[in-house]
Structure formats: C-alpha cells, structure tokens
Amino acid sequence: MCGRFVVASVGSELVGVLRVDVEGDDLPEPSFNVAPTSQAAIVIDSAKTEPPIRRLESARWGLIPAWAKDTKIGARAFNARAEELEGKPMFRKALEKRRAVVPASGYYEWKNVDGAKIPHYIHPADGSPLFMAGLYEWWKDPAKAEDEADKWLLSFTILTRDSIGRLGSIHDRMPLFLDPDHADAWLDPTIDNVRDVLDAAIDAAPALAETLDDHVVSKAVGNVRNNSPELLEPVED
C-alpha cells in the first residue's frame, strides 16, 4: 500500500519529462508528508480537447466517484489494487477514461518488526521523480451553487501491486511505478486496450522497483502535523 508520500518540488521541475501543457493555478506547496485527504498535484490528459491537453492539477487524495453522496468515501479509497480494478464499481469507469500519473519524490512505508512498525523512506536512487499510476474522478458537490468555484472536486487514488525484492521485505504491496513511456500510454484517454497497457506497466514495475533506495526514518512521520525535510533524514534502525 501507499499511505504517505513526499513531493519535494512542484511544477515543471517535477514533471518536465511528461511534457505537461498546462499547470494549474492552485498547485499545492511542496510537502514532506502527504496524507490521504490532502491535496497533491497529479497529471491528467483532458479528453475534451483534440488532441488531449496534458494538465498538472491539484487533486484530493482519496477517490470520490461521481455517484458518491459526500466526500467521506474518499478517505478509504486512497489506494486501489491494480489486479482488481475491473471488478470494483468504485474504479471501473475511471480505469476506462480517467487515468492519472501521481508524481512524487518518494513515499513512506512501514515495516513490521517484532510488533513494532518502522517507517522507511523509499525513493529513486538518482533523485529523479517517481511516477505512480493513478485514477481520477470529478465529483459535483450537491450542497454548492452551480456558479461556486469549488462546485467540482478533483480526486485521485494510487494503484498498487504486490511487492517484489527488497521492497517485498518491507511491505507486501507497493505503488504501481511507471517509467515515462508507460506513463504516456497510461495517460492517453483514447486507447481501447487499457488492460494491455495496465498489464505492461505491472510487468515493468519490478525493474523500476530495483532502482529505488530506502532507509529508516523517524516515527515522527506518523503524525500528519509533522511536515519538514527533516522527516527524510536517516535514523538508526
């Protein structure tokens, strides 16, 4: 699973390789402790234009489908198992047309050691951005007037798959990592063979996982109120 991640920079510095056309005006500030229900920047391709426009937009972490009565459902939909998407009404429609890439500097995972949970920071060894596959939805707030600026809420979830190698020794699930080529295909809203693209990304993810480093960090990361670069510093296991 992925329950916390880090975005140490925003904008073109983070997603230049994905060739974003438009950056939103309300992108969140860098964060060293992004938690579910927080805002984070995601990359999406707008299918309403031809060709699609690639956008970097602020979105709430935790998918809220269009049919939801309120936002509460998003708090438990911050991850989605890649192998189960077609069978879940929560994610099925988004898989077809609303796919996202979630850029990050790295993410946190907790390893269970003799009953104690030890947080690890997992990140690309070369400092490059980490791209995670996601889904997004637009939710219309029935309590707000049609002309209110925040009538529509953009939300997202991060896809996961079973862990492998060293990451498997930390947790049994990991985010579905994407290289730039798979990210391009994943974002394309016009493709018909979504499962083929997804399976290709799942197959390629282990090689990407092997390029990641990890180290133990302070348990302070467990408190969402803690948010500073010091959270990334290694501590003794």
C-alpha atoms as a PDB file:
ATOM      1  CA  MET A   1       0.000   0.000   0.000  1.00  0.00           C
ATOM      2  CA  CYS A   2       0.987   3.637  -0.118  1.00  0.00           C
ATOM      3  CA  GLY A   3      -0.381   5.793   2.684  1.00  0.00           C
ATOM      4  CA  ARG A   4       2.098   8.680   2.739  1.00  0.00           C
ATOM      5  CA  PHE A   5       4.325  10.213   0.109  1.00  0.00           C
ATOM      6  CA  VAL A   6       6.664  13.143  -0.490  1.00  0.00           C
ATOM      7  CA  VAL A   7       6.546  15.902  -3.094  1.00  0.00           C
ATOM      8  CA  ALA A   8       9.665  17.987  -2.520  1.00  0.00           C
ATOM      9  CA  SER A   9       9.066  20.185  -5.580  1.00  0.00           C
ATOM     10  CA  VAL A  10       6.136  21.043  -7.836  1.00  0.00           C
ATOM     11  CA  GLY A  11       5.531  22.197 -11.386  1.00  0.00           C
ATOM     12  CA  SER A  12       7.762  21.606 -14.394  1.00  0.00           C
ATOM     13  CA  GLU A  13      10.738  20.699 -12.210  1.00  0.00           C
ATOM     14  CA  LEU A  14       8.908  17.538 -11.169  1.00  0.00           C
ATOM     15  CA  VAL A  15       7.117  16.525 -14.368  1.00  0.00           C
ATOM     16  CA  GLY A  16       9.173  18.016 -17.208  1.00  0.00           C
ATOM     17  CA  VAL A  17       9.751  14.602 -18.774  1.00  0.00           C
ATOM     18  CA  LEU A  18       5.966  14.118 -19.087  1.00  0.00           C
ATOM     19  CA  ARG A  19       5.602  17.239 -21.260  1.00  0.00           C
ATOM     20  CA  VAL A  20       2.772  18.922 -19.371  1.00  0.00           C
ATOM     21  CA  ASP A  21       0.928  21.554 -21.451  1.00  0.00           C
ATOM     22  CA  VAL A  22      -0.873  23.443 -18.670  1.00  0.00           C
ATOM     23  CA  GLU A  23      -0.100  23.866 -14.970  1.00  0.00           C
ATOM     24  CA  GLY A  24      -2.967  24.692 -12.626  1.00  0.00           C
ATOM     25  CA  ASP A  25      -3.016  27.955 -10.702  1.00  0.00           C
ATOM     26  CA  ASP A  26      -3.674  26.327  -7.331  1.00  0.00           C
ATOM     27  CA  LEU A  27      -0.933  23.698  -7.145  1.00  0.00           C
ATOM     28  CA  PRO A  28      -0.115  22.739  -3.552  1.00  0.00           C
ATOM     29  CA  GLU A  29       3.172  23.668  -1.940  1.00  0.00           C
ATOM     30  CA  PRO A  30       5.916  21.047  -1.556  1.00  0.00           C
ATOM     31  CA  SER A  31       5.080  18.558   1.189  1.00  0.00           C
ATOM     32  CA  PHE A  32       7.187  16.007   3.037  1.00  0.00           C
ATOM     33  CA  ASN A  33       4.188  14.193   4.500  1.00  0.00           C
ATOM     34  CA  VAL A  34       1.294  13.972   2.039  1.00  0.00           C
ATOM     35  CA  ALA A  35      -1.542  12.008   3.662  1.00  0.00           C
ATOM     36  CA  PRO A  36      -4.954  10.802   2.434  1.00  0.00           C
ATOM     37  CA  THR A  37      -7.495  13.648   2.004  1.00  0.00           C
ATOM     38  CA  SER A  38      -4.581  16.089   1.405  1.00  0.00           C
ATOM     39  CA  GLN A  39      -4.143  17.967  -1.855  1.00  0.00           C
ATOM     40  CA  ALA A  40      -1.425  16.825  -4.257  1.00  0.00           C
ATOM     41  CA  ALA A  41      -0.504  17.546  -7.874  1.00  0.00           C
ATOM     42  CA  ILE A  42      -1.468  14.935 -10.474  1.00  0.00           C
ATOM     43  CA  VAL A  43      -1.006  14.723 -14.250  1.00  0.00           C
ATOM     44  CA  ILE A  44      -4.076  14.056 -16.406  1.00  0.00           C
ATOM     45  CA  ASP A  45      -4.895  14.212 -20.116  1.00  0.00           C
ATOM     46  CA  SER A  46      -8.119  16.095 -20.831  1.00  0.00           C
ATOM     47  CA  ALA A  47     -10.202  14.108 -23.326  1.00  0.00           C
ATOM     48  CA  LYS A  48     -12.462  17.098 -24.006  1.00  0.00           C
ATOM     49  CA  THR A  49      -9.973  18.538 -26.494  1.00  0.00           C
ATOM     50  CA  GLU A  50      -8.435  17.156 -29.678  1.00  0.00           C
ATOM     51  CA  PRO A  51      -5.637  16.433 -29.245  1.00  0.00           C
ATOM     52  CA  PRO A  52      -5.915  15.933 -25.463  1.00  0.00           C
ATOM     53  CA  ILE A  53      -4.300  18.615 -23.288  1.00  0.00           C
ATOM     54  CA  ARG A  54      -1.947  17.330 -20.618  1.00  0.00           C
ATOM     55  CA  ARG A  55      -2.517  19.118 -17.329  1.00  0.00           C
ATOM     56  CA  LEU A  56      -0.885  19.285 -13.904  1.00  0.00           C
ATOM     57  CA  GLU A  57      -3.713  19.862 -11.432  1.00  0.00           C
ATOM     58  CA  SER A  58      -4.288  19.912  -7.701  1.00  0.00           C
ATOM     59  CA  ALA A  59      -6.434  16.996  -6.513  1.00  0.00           C
ATOM     60  CA  ARG A  60      -7.606  15.498  -3.251  1.00  0.00           C
ATOM     61  CA  TRP A  61      -6.028  12.151  -2.350  1.00  0.00           C
ATOM     62  CA  GLY A  62      -8.804   9.568  -1.979  1.00  0.00           C
ATOM     63  CA  LEU A  63     -11.067   8.809  -4.941  1.00  0.00           C
ATOM     64  CA  ILE A  64     -14.610  10.178  -4.770  1.00  0.00           C
ATOM     65  CA  PRO A  65     -16.753   8.678  -7.563  1.00  0.00           C
ATOM     66  CA  ALA A  66     -19.394  10.815  -9.270  1.00  0.00           C
ATOM     67  CA  TRP A  67     -22.208   8.846  -7.611  1.00  0.00           C
ATOM     68  CA  ALA A  68     -20.971   9.426  -4.029  1.00  0.00           C
ATOM     69  CA  LYS A  69     -23.331  11.318  -1.710  1.00  0.00           C
ATOM     70  CA  ASP A  70     -20.438  13.051   0.067  1.00  0.00           C
ATOM     71  CA  THR A  71     -16.640  13.046   0.275  1.00  0.00           C
ATOM     72  CA  LYS A  72     -16.325  10.551   3.149  1.00  0.00           C
ATOM     73  CA  ILE A  73     -15.876   7.591   0.813  1.00  0.00           C
ATOM     74  CA  GLY A  74     -12.572   9.020  -0.398  1.00  0.00           C
ATOM     75  CA  ALA A  75     -10.870   8.527   2.960  1.00  0.00           C
ATOM     76  CA  ARG A  76     -10.779   4.765   2.367  1.00  0.00           C
ATOM     77  CA  ALA A  77     -10.130   4.858  -1.391  1.00  0.00           C
ATOM     78  CA  PHE A  78      -6.604   6.299  -1.434  1.00  0.00           C
ATOM     79  CA  ASN A  79      -5.224   3.033  -2.893  1.00  0.00           C
ATOM     80  CA  ALA A  80      -6.644   0.628  -5.480  1.00  0.00           C
ATOM     81  CA  ARG A  81      -5.364  -2.872  -6.266  1.00  0.00           C
ATOM     82  CA  ALA A  82      -4.335  -2.896  -9.938  1.00  0.00           C
ATOM     83  CA  GLU A  83      -5.384  -6.521 -10.385  1.00  0.00           C
ATOM     84  CA  GLU A  84      -8.954  -5.881  -9.160  1.00  0.00           C
ATOM     85  CA  LEU A  85      -9.962  -2.647 -10.913  1.00  0.00           C
ATOM     86  CA  GLU A  86     -12.456  -4.045 -13.432  1.00  0.00           C
ATOM     87  CA  GLY A  87     -14.389  -5.800 -10.685  1.00  0.00           C
ATOM     88  CA  LYS A  88     -14.791  -2.721  -8.481  1.00  0.00           C
ATOM     89  CA  PRO A  89     -17.609  -0.241  -9.284  1.00  0.00           C
ATOM     90  CA  MET A  90     -15.583   2.394  -7.426  1.00  0.00           C
ATOM     91  CA  PHE A  91     -12.780   2.248 -10.009  1.00  0.00           C
ATOM     92  CA  ARG A  92     -14.169   0.647 -13.187  1.00  0.00           C
ATOM     93  CA  LYS A  93     -15.266   3.809 -15.015  1.00  0.00           C
ATOM     94  CA  ALA A  94     -12.148   5.745 -14.070  1.00  0.00           C
ATOM     95  CA  LEU A  95      -9.988   2.929 -15.424  1.00  0.00           C
ATOM     96  CA  GLU A  96     -11.696   3.283 -18.801  1.00  0.00           C
ATOM     97  CA  LYS A  97     -11.279   7.045 -19.284  1.00  0.00           C
ATOM     98  CA  ARG A  98      -9.796   8.840 -16.278  1.00  0.00           C
ATOM     99  CA  ARG A  99      -6.252   7.712 -15.641  1.00  0.00           C
ATOM    100  CA  ALA A 100      -3.643   9.821 -13.868  1.00  0.00           C
ATOM    101  CA  VAL A 101       0.038   9.881 -13.035  1.00  0.00           C
ATOM    102  CA  VAL A 102       0.951  10.871  -9.493  1.00  0.00           C
ATOM    103  CA  PRO A 103       4.463  12.395  -9.405  1.00  0.00           C
ATOM    104  CA  ALA A 104       6.426  12.188  -6.180  1.00  0.00           C
ATOM    105  CA  SER A 105       9.923  12.426  -4.765  1.00  0.00           C
ATOM    106  CA  GLY A 106       9.369   9.196  -2.825  1.00  0.00           C
ATOM    107  CA  TYR A 107       6.997   7.537  -0.390  1.00  0.00           C
ATOM    108  CA  TYR A 108       6.905   6.096   3.120  1.00  0.00           C
ATOM    109  CA  GLU A 109       6.173   2.530   4.079  1.00  0.00           C
ATOM    110  CA  TRP A 110       6.057   0.877   7.480  1.00  0.00           C
ATOM    111  CA  LYS A 111       7.816  -2.442   8.161  1.00  0.00           C
ATOM    112  CA  ASN A 112       6.508  -4.626  10.960  1.00  0.00           C
ATOM    113  CA  VAL A 113       9.464  -5.728  13.117  1.00  0.00           C
ATOM    114  CA  ASP A 114       8.578  -7.794  16.190  1.00  0.00           C
ATOM    115  CA  GLY A 115       5.284  -5.977  16.539  1.00  0.00           C
ATOM    116  CA  ALA A 116       6.776  -2.519  16.034  1.00  0.00           C
ATOM    117  CA  LYS A 117       6.131  -0.503  12.876  1.00  0.00           C
ATOM    118  CA  ILE A 118       9.331   1.018  11.489  1.00  0.00           C
ATOM    119  CA  PRO A 119       8.909   3.731   8.817  1.00  0.00           C
ATOM    120  CA  HIS A 120      11.084   3.596   5.693  1.00  0.00           C
ATOM    121  CA  TYR A 121      11.513   6.307   3.089  1.00  0.00           C
ATOM    122  CA  ILE A 122      11.628   4.775  -0.416  1.00  0.00           C
ATOM    123  CA  HIS A 123      12.860   6.902  -3.315  1.00  0.00           C
ATOM    124  CA  PRO A 124      14.743   6.851  -6.644  1.00  0.00           C
ATOM    125  CA  ALA A 125      18.449   6.399  -6.026  1.00  0.00           C
ATOM    126  CA  ASP A 126      19.371   9.097  -8.555  1.00  0.00           C
ATOM    127  CA  GLY A 127      16.960  11.712  -7.218  1.00  0.00           C
ATOM    128  CA  SER A 128      14.731  11.628 -10.297  1.00  0.00           C
ATOM    129  CA  PRO A 129      10.939  11.909  -9.931  1.00  0.00           C
ATOM    130  CA  LEU A 130       8.923   8.820  -9.075  1.00  0.00           C
ATOM    131  CA  PHE A 131       5.786   8.306 -11.169  1.00  0.00           C
ATOM    132  CA  MET A 132       2.895   6.266  -9.757  1.00  0.00           C
ATOM    133  CA  ALA A 133      -0.146   5.103 -11.714  1.00  0.00           C
ATOM    134  CA  GLY A 134      -3.444   6.528 -10.534  1.00  0.00           C
ATOM    135  CA  LEU A 135      -7.089   7.111 -11.392  1.00  0.00           C
ATOM    136  CA  TYR A 136      -9.060  10.325 -11.022  1.00  0.00           C
ATOM    137  CA  GLU A 137     -12.674  11.443 -10.773  1.00  0.00           C
ATOM    138  CA  TRP A 138     -14.643  14.695 -10.760  1.00  0.00           C
ATOM    139  CA  TRP A 139     -17.313  14.950  -8.052  1.00  0.00           C
ATOM    140  CA  LYS A 140     -20.092  17.541  -8.092  1.00  0.00           C
ATOM    141  CA  ASP A 141     -20.936  18.885  -4.625  1.00  0.00           C
ATOM    142  CA  PRO A 142     -24.748  18.955  -4.358  1.00  0.00           C
ATOM    143  CA  ALA A 143     -24.581  21.403  -1.466  1.00  0.00           C
ATOM    144  CA  LYS A 144     -22.939  24.161  -3.530  1.00  0.00           C
ATOM    145  CA  ALA A 145     -24.475  26.537  -6.052  1.00  0.00           C
ATOM    146  CA  GLU A 146     -23.764  25.922  -9.737  1.00  0.00           C
ATOM    147  CA  ASP A 147     -21.673  29.084 -10.025  1.00  0.00           C
ATOM    148  CA  GLU A 148     -19.442  28.419  -6.996  1.00  0.00           C
ATOM    149  CA  ALA A 149     -15.783  27.992  -7.932  1.00  0.00           C
ATOM    150  CA  ASP A 150     -15.378  24.851  -5.826  1.00  0.00           C
ATOM    151  CA  LYS A 151     -18.554  23.129  -7.042  1.00  0.00           C
ATOM    152  CA  TRP A 152     -16.435  20.414  -8.678  1.00  0.00           C
ATOM    153  CA  LEU A 153     -13.842  18.420  -6.708  1.00  0.00           C
ATOM    154  CA  LEU A 154     -10.997  16.553  -8.412  1.00  0.00           C
ATOM    155  CA  SER A 155      -9.790  13.459  -6.523  1.00  0.00           C
ATOM    156  CA  PHE A 156      -7.452  10.544  -7.164  1.00  0.00           C
ATOM    157  CA  THR A 157      -6.269   7.158  -5.989  1.00  0.00           C
ATOM    158  CA  ILE A 158      -2.855   5.455  -6.320  1.00  0.00           C
ATOM    159  CA  LEU A 159      -2.701   1.964  -7.819  1.00  0.00           C
ATOM    160  CA  THR A 160      -0.770  -0.778  -6.039  1.00  0.00           C
ATOM    161  CA  ARG A 161       0.546  -4.229  -6.896  1.00  0.00           C
ATOM    162  CA  ASP A 162       2.305  -6.991  -4.951  1.00  0.00           C
ATOM    163  CA  SER A 163       5.823  -6.062  -3.850  1.00  0.00           C
ATOM    164  CA  ILE A 164       8.986  -7.726  -5.047  1.00  0.00           C
ATOM    165  CA  GLY A 165      12.618  -7.968  -3.975  1.00  0.00           C
ATOM    166  CA  ARG A 166      13.836  -5.659  -1.236  1.00  0.00           C
ATOM    167  CA  LEU A 167      10.568  -3.726  -1.179  1.00  0.00           C
ATOM    168  CA  GLY A 168       8.760  -7.002  -0.514  1.00  0.00           C
ATOM    169  CA  SER A 169      10.703  -7.330   2.721  1.00  0.00           C
ATOM    170  CA  ILE A 170       9.249  -4.000   3.876  1.00  0.00           C
ATOM    171  CA  HIS A 171       5.597  -4.448   2.855  1.00  0.00           C
ATOM    172  CA  ASP A 172       3.597  -6.886   0.740  1.00  0.00           C
ATOM    173  CA  ARG A 173       2.213  -4.112  -1.511  1.00  0.00           C
ATOM    174  CA  MET A 174       3.898  -1.293  -3.413  1.00  0.00           C
ATOM    175  CA  PRO A 175       2.708   1.515  -5.704  1.00  0.00           C
ATOM    176  CA  LEU A 176       2.457   0.710  -9.408  1.00  0.00           C
ATOM    177  CA  PHE A 177       5.516   2.577 -10.657  1.00  0.00           C
ATOM    178  CA  LEU A 178       5.638   3.917 -14.229  1.00  0.00           C
ATOM    179  CA  ASP A 179       8.544   4.841 -16.464  1.00  0.00           C
ATOM    180  CA  PRO A 180       7.952   7.849 -18.786  1.00  0.00           C
ATOM    181  CA  ASP A 181       6.942   5.667 -21.757  1.00  0.00           C
ATOM    182  CA  HIS A 182       4.377   3.687 -19.770  1.00  0.00           C
ATOM    183  CA  ALA A 183       3.192   6.958 -18.187  1.00  0.00           C
ATOM    184  CA  ASP A 184       2.477   8.385 -21.647  1.00  0.00           C
ATOM    185  CA  ALA A 185       0.454   5.328 -22.643  1.00  0.00           C
ATOM    186  CA  TRP A 186      -1.347   5.244 -19.294  1.00  0.00           C
ATOM    187  CA  LEU A 187      -2.463   8.868 -19.631  1.00  0.00           C
ATOM    188  CA  ASP A 188      -3.795   8.528 -23.181  1.00  0.00           C
ATOM    189  CA  PRO A 189      -7.627   8.739 -22.842  1.00  0.00           C
ATOM    190  CA  THR A 190      -8.190   7.461 -26.388  1.00  0.00           C
ATOM    191  CA  ILE A 191      -6.742   3.956 -26.032  1.00  0.00           C
ATOM    192  CA  ASP A 192      -9.080   0.984 -26.132  1.00  0.00           C
ATOM    193  CA  ASN A 193      -6.755  -1.703 -24.729  1.00  0.00           C
ATOM    194  CA  VAL A 194      -6.499  -0.344 -21.189  1.00  0.00           C
ATOM    195  CA  ARG A 195      -5.877  -3.749 -19.610  1.00  0.00           C
ATOM    196  CA  ASP A 196      -2.977  -4.372 -22.004  1.00  0.00           C
ATOM    197  CA  VAL A 197      -1.395  -1.069 -21.014  1.00  0.00           C
ATOM    198  CA  LEU A 198      -2.004  -1.817 -17.339  1.00  0.00           C
ATOM    199  CA  ASP A 199      -0.532  -5.317 -17.578  1.00  0.00           C
ATOM    200  CA  ALA A 200       2.539  -3.954 -19.365  1.00  0.00           C
ATOM    201  CA  ALA A 201       3.036  -1.431 -16.564  1.00  0.00           C
ATOM    202  CA  ILE A 202       2.596  -4.142 -13.921  1.00  0.00           C
ATOM    203  CA  ASP A 203       5.193  -6.305 -15.661  1.00  0.00           C
ATOM    204  CA  ALA A 204       7.670  -3.411 -15.929  1.00  0.00           C
ATOM    205  CA  ALA A 205       7.258  -2.181 -12.342  1.00  0.00           C
ATOM    206  CA  PRO A 206       9.665  -4.697 -10.711  1.00  0.00           C
ATOM    207  CA  ALA A 207      12.592  -3.388 -12.765  1.00  0.00           C
ATOM    208  CA  LEU A 208      11.774   0.150 -11.630  1.00  0.00           C
ATOM    209  CA  ALA A 209      11.465  -1.014  -8.036  1.00  0.00           C
ATOM    210  CA  GLU A 210      15.022  -2.361  -8.162  1.00  0.00           C
ATOM    211  CA  THR A 211      16.326   1.168  -8.863  1.00  0.00           C
ATOM    212  CA  LEU A 212      14.886   2.542  -5.618  1.00  0.00           C
ATOM    213  CA  ASP A 213      16.750   3.125  -2.362  1.00  0.00           C
ATOM    214  CA  ASP A 214      15.269   3.048   1.130  1.00  0.00           C
ATOM    215  CA  HIS A 215      16.292   3.945   4.649  1.00  0.00           C
ATOM    216  CA  VAL A 216      14.674   4.067   8.074  1.00  0.00           C
ATOM    217  CA  VAL A 217      13.283   7.450   9.116  1.00  0.00           C
ATOM    218  CA  SER A 218      11.848   8.944  12.291  1.00  0.00           C
ATOM    219  CA  LYS A 219       8.492   7.779  13.591  1.00  0.00           C
ATOM    220  CA  ALA A 220       7.557  11.464  13.559  1.00  0.00           C
ATOM    221  CA  VAL A 221       6.302  10.878  10.019  1.00  0.00           C
ATOM    222  CA  GLY A 222       3.332   9.056  11.552  1.00  0.00           C
ATOM    223  CA  ASN A 223       1.887  12.398  12.667  1.00  0.00           C
ATOM    224  CA  VAL A 224       0.464  14.352   9.711  1.00  0.00           C
ATOM    225  CA  ARG A 225       1.187  17.611  11.512  1.00  0.00           C
ATOM    226  CA  ASN A 226       4.909  16.966  11.075  1.00  0.00           C
ATOM    227  CA  ASN A 227       5.964  18.224   7.659  1.00  0.00           C
ATOM    228  CA  SER A 228       9.575  19.217   7.098  1.00  0.00           C
ATOM    229  CA  PRO A 229      12.672  17.996   5.191  1.00  0.00           C
ATOM    230  CA  GLU A 230      13.971  16.511   8.443  1.00  0.00           C
ATOM    231  CA  LEU A 231      11.458  13.686   8.044  1.00  0.00           C
ATOM    232  CA  LEU A 232      13.621  12.323   5.204  1.00  0.00           C
ATOM    233  CA  GLU A 233      16.787  12.046   7.280  1.00  0.00           C
ATOM    234  CA  PRO A 234      18.030   8.503   8.030  1.00  0.00           C
ATOM    235  CA  VAL A 235      17.892   7.237  11.606  1.00  0.00           C
ATOM    236  CA  GLU A 236      19.296   4.079  13.141  1.00  0.00           C
ATOM    237  CA  ASP A 237      17.082   1.020  12.768  1.00  0.00           C
END
